[in-house]
Structure formats: C-alpha cells, structure tokens
Amino acid sequence: MISTDEIINISKFFSIIAHTPGRLRVRVNPKIKDSSGNISLSDIENLPSKIDGIMNIKINKIIASVTITYDPKIFEPKIWEDLISQENLDEISILINNLAKEVI
C-alpha cells in the first residue's frame, strides 16, 4: 500500500496537462523512476480502492501521463493543484488520511 507521504513525494514529478472539476490529467517526469522507491504502477492504479473520492486512475506509459477521475465534492480542484505545486501539504495529508479506507 502506498502511503500519504509517498503520494506527496511522487506528485513532485507531475505537471498538469488538463484539469476540469472531476478529471485531472498530468504529465509524468521520467525522473520519477529514480525516486519512486518501492511504489509500483499497481500501487498507483489501486488508489481508488484505498481512498474515498478517487474514482479511477489510468496510466498511459507510452505518453507518460496519468488521468485521475475524482469526486470534486470530496477533492476540490484546488487540492490537486496544491498537491502538484507542493503547497498546503499538511492540509492535503490530513485530508488523504481522513479519506483512506485503510490506514496508510
């Protein structure tokens, strides 16, 4: 299981391609491979089953992008933008931990 700290760590390698409430598409910097530790693609793809409000995660390895479908009533769009820009991380950690379906 991926931890909240690991989610925050890997988000440093994302840049927003497109964002509308409920759907976020990010480009993934290839340097993530050097810093992702023991995080697997399946860990990331399984996040919807671990955190309320995240409905789907689709990884496109060919173009190095990730599309996240989420409930904007649970995760306001600004939360995602703050996560990508590494702002308000304490608030984001608390939110993720409160929404976790199991302890992470």
C-alpha atoms as a PDB file:
ATOM      1  CA  MET A   1       0.000   0.000   0.000  1.00  0.00           C
ATOM      2  CA  ILE A   2       1.261   3.433  -0.931  1.00  0.00           C
ATOM      3  CA  SER A   3       1.500   5.926   1.958  1.00  0.00           C
ATOM      4  CA  THR A   4       0.363   9.543   2.081  1.00  0.00           C
ATOM      5  CA  ASP A   5       3.994  10.686   2.165  1.00  0.00           C
ATOM      6  CA  GLU A   6       4.724   8.609  -0.947  1.00  0.00           C
ATOM      7  CA  ILE A   7       1.732  10.150  -2.747  1.00  0.00           C
ATOM      8  CA  ILE A   8       3.079  13.609  -1.939  1.00  0.00           C
ATOM      9  CA  ASN A   9       6.592  12.600  -2.992  1.00  0.00           C
ATOM     10  CA  ILE A  10       5.596  11.258  -6.415  1.00  0.00           C
ATOM     11  CA  SER A  11       3.335  14.246  -7.107  1.00  0.00           C
ATOM     12  CA  LYS A  12       6.520  16.357  -7.429  1.00  0.00           C
ATOM     13  CA  PHE A  13       7.064  14.632 -10.766  1.00  0.00           C
ATOM     14  CA  PHE A  14       3.664  15.626 -12.174  1.00  0.00           C
ATOM     15  CA  SER A  15       2.734  18.659 -14.239  1.00  0.00           C
ATOM     16  CA  ILE A  16      -0.848  19.466 -15.152  1.00  0.00           C
ATOM     17  CA  ILE A  17      -1.842  18.926 -18.781  1.00  0.00           C
ATOM     18  CA  ALA A  18      -5.588  19.481 -18.334  1.00  0.00           C
ATOM     19  CA  HIS A  19      -7.834  19.905 -15.328  1.00  0.00           C
ATOM     20  CA  THR A  20     -11.590  20.188 -15.128  1.00  0.00           C
ATOM     21  CA  PRO A  21     -13.514  19.507 -11.926  1.00  0.00           C
ATOM     22  CA  GLY A  22     -13.603  15.730 -11.569  1.00  0.00           C
ATOM     23  CA  ARG A  23     -10.834  14.944 -14.069  1.00  0.00           C
ATOM     24  CA  LEU A  24      -7.121  15.664 -13.855  1.00  0.00           C
ATOM     25  CA  ARG A  25      -4.563  14.723 -16.480  1.00  0.00           C
ATOM     26  CA  VAL A  26      -0.881  15.072 -15.656  1.00  0.00           C
ATOM     27  CA  ARG A  27       2.404  14.530 -17.439  1.00  0.00           C
ATOM     28  CA  VAL A  28       4.905  12.400 -15.534  1.00  0.00           C
ATOM     29  CA  ASN A  29       8.571  13.376 -15.481  1.00  0.00           C
ATOM     30  CA  PRO A  30      10.753  10.333 -16.330  1.00  0.00           C
ATOM     31  CA  LYS A  31      12.930  11.102 -13.282  1.00  0.00           C
ATOM     32  CA  ILE A  32      10.156   9.572 -11.177  1.00  0.00           C
ATOM     33  CA  LYS A  33      11.778   6.188 -11.815  1.00  0.00           C
ATOM     34  CA  ASP A  34      14.787   7.247  -9.742  1.00  0.00           C
ATOM     35  CA  SER A  35      12.751   8.478  -6.771  1.00  0.00           C
ATOM     36  CA  SER A  36       9.650   6.313  -6.559  1.00  0.00           C
ATOM     37  CA  GLY A  37      11.217   3.738  -4.222  1.00  0.00           C
ATOM     38  CA  ASN A  38       9.101   0.614  -3.924  1.00  0.00           C
ATOM     39  CA  ILE A  39       5.981   2.167  -5.470  1.00  0.00           C
ATOM     40  CA  SER A  40       4.625   0.097  -8.340  1.00  0.00           C
ATOM     41  CA  LEU A  41       2.208   1.049 -11.093  1.00  0.00           C
ATOM     42  CA  SER A  42      -0.364  -1.236  -9.488  1.00  0.00           C
ATOM     43  CA  ASP A  43       0.010   0.677  -6.193  1.00  0.00           C
ATOM     44  CA  ILE A  44      -0.974   3.830  -8.045  1.00  0.00           C
ATOM     45  CA  GLU A  45      -3.743   2.186 -10.058  1.00  0.00           C
ATOM     46  CA  ASN A  46      -5.222   0.705  -6.863  1.00  0.00           C
ATOM     47  CA  LEU A  47      -5.566   4.049  -5.080  1.00  0.00           C
ATOM     48  CA  PRO A  48      -9.280   4.342  -5.997  1.00  0.00           C
ATOM     49  CA  SER A  49      -9.991   1.269  -3.877  1.00  0.00           C
ATOM     50  CA  LYS A  50      -7.987   2.757  -0.981  1.00  0.00           C
ATOM     51  CA  ILE A  51      -9.094   6.416  -0.867  1.00  0.00           C
ATOM     52  CA  ASP A  52     -12.680   7.686  -0.979  1.00  0.00           C
ATOM     53  CA  GLY A  53     -13.252  10.308  -3.655  1.00  0.00           C
ATOM     54  CA  ILE A  54     -10.760   8.926  -6.170  1.00  0.00           C
ATOM     55  CA  MET A  55     -12.838   7.029  -8.708  1.00  0.00           C
ATOM     56  CA  ASN A  56     -10.322   5.930 -11.337  1.00  0.00           C
ATOM     57  CA  ILE A  57      -6.651   6.227 -12.253  1.00  0.00           C
ATOM     58  CA  LYS A  58      -5.480   5.466 -15.769  1.00  0.00           C
ATOM     59  CA  ILE A  59      -1.778   5.322 -16.555  1.00  0.00           C
ATOM     60  CA  ASN A  60      -0.584   5.771 -20.129  1.00  0.00           C
ATOM     61  CA  LYS A  61       3.042   4.605 -20.169  1.00  0.00           C
ATOM     62  CA  ILE A  62       3.531   5.420 -23.855  1.00  0.00           C
ATOM     63  CA  ILE A  63       2.956   9.157 -23.465  1.00  0.00           C
ATOM     64  CA  ALA A  64       3.903   9.306 -19.750  1.00  0.00           C
ATOM     65  CA  SER A  65       0.591  10.611 -18.483  1.00  0.00           C
ATOM     66  CA  VAL A  66      -1.817   9.799 -15.688  1.00  0.00           C
ATOM     67  CA  THR A  67      -5.523  10.589 -15.749  1.00  0.00           C
ATOM     68  CA  ILE A  68      -7.297  10.764 -12.398  1.00  0.00           C
ATOM     69  CA  THR A  69     -11.074  10.812 -12.196  1.00  0.00           C
ATOM     70  CA  TYR A  70     -12.279  12.074  -8.834  1.00  0.00           C
ATOM     71  CA  ASP A  71     -15.317  13.395  -6.983  1.00  0.00           C
ATOM     72  CA  PRO A  72     -14.926  17.204  -6.909  1.00  0.00           C
ATOM     73  CA  LYS A  73     -17.250  17.405  -3.909  1.00  0.00           C
ATOM     74  CA  ILE A  74     -14.705  15.415  -1.885  1.00  0.00           C
ATOM     75  CA  PHE A  75     -11.484  16.668  -3.501  1.00  0.00           C
ATOM     76  CA  GLU A  76     -11.872  20.288  -4.535  1.00  0.00           C
ATOM     77  CA  PRO A  77      -9.905  21.029  -7.729  1.00  0.00           C
ATOM     78  CA  LYS A  78      -7.580  23.370  -5.801  1.00  0.00           C
ATOM     79  CA  ILE A  79      -6.424  20.410  -3.656  1.00  0.00           C
ATOM     80  CA  TRP A  80      -4.970  18.746  -6.768  1.00  0.00           C
ATOM     81  CA  GLU A  81      -3.346  21.950  -7.944  1.00  0.00           C
ATOM     82  CA  ASP A  82      -1.809  22.460  -4.496  1.00  0.00           C
ATOM     83  CA  LEU A  83      -0.553  18.864  -4.469  1.00  0.00           C
ATOM     84  CA  ILE A  84       1.134  19.246  -7.854  1.00  0.00           C
ATOM     85  CA  SER A  85       2.697  22.581  -6.847  1.00  0.00           C
ATOM     86  CA  GLN A  86       3.678  21.169  -3.407  1.00  0.00           C
ATOM     87  CA  GLU A  87       1.619  23.730  -1.459  1.00  0.00           C
ATOM     88  CA  ASN A  88      -0.535  23.216   1.673  1.00  0.00           C
ATOM     89  CA  LEU A  89       0.839  19.694   2.039  1.00  0.00           C
ATOM     90  CA  ASP A  90      -0.101  19.361   5.717  1.00  0.00           C
ATOM     91  CA  GLU A  91      -3.763  20.010   4.883  1.00  0.00           C
ATOM     92  CA  ILE A  92      -3.603  17.575   1.965  1.00  0.00           C
ATOM     93  CA  SER A  93      -2.035  14.873   4.165  1.00  0.00           C
ATOM     94  CA  ILE A  94      -4.806  15.250   6.728  1.00  0.00           C
ATOM     95  CA  LEU A  95      -7.474  15.055   4.008  1.00  0.00           C
ATOM     96  CA  ILE A  96      -5.980  11.946   2.409  1.00  0.00           C
ATOM     97  CA  ASN A  97      -5.589  10.239   5.776  1.00  0.00           C
ATOM     98  CA  ASN A  98      -9.207  11.053   6.679  1.00  0.00           C
ATOM     99  CA  LEU A  99     -10.435   9.617   3.370  1.00  0.00           C
ATOM    100  CA  ALA A 100      -8.284   6.491   3.453  1.00  0.00           C
ATOM    101  CA  LYS A 101     -10.319   3.292   3.548  1.00  0.00           C
ATOM    102  CA  GLU A 102      -7.492   1.681   5.484  1.00  0.00           C
ATOM    103  CA  VAL A 103      -4.584   3.112   7.428  1.00  0.00           C
ATOM    104  CA  ILE A 104      -1.873   4.351   5.092  1.00  0.00           C
END
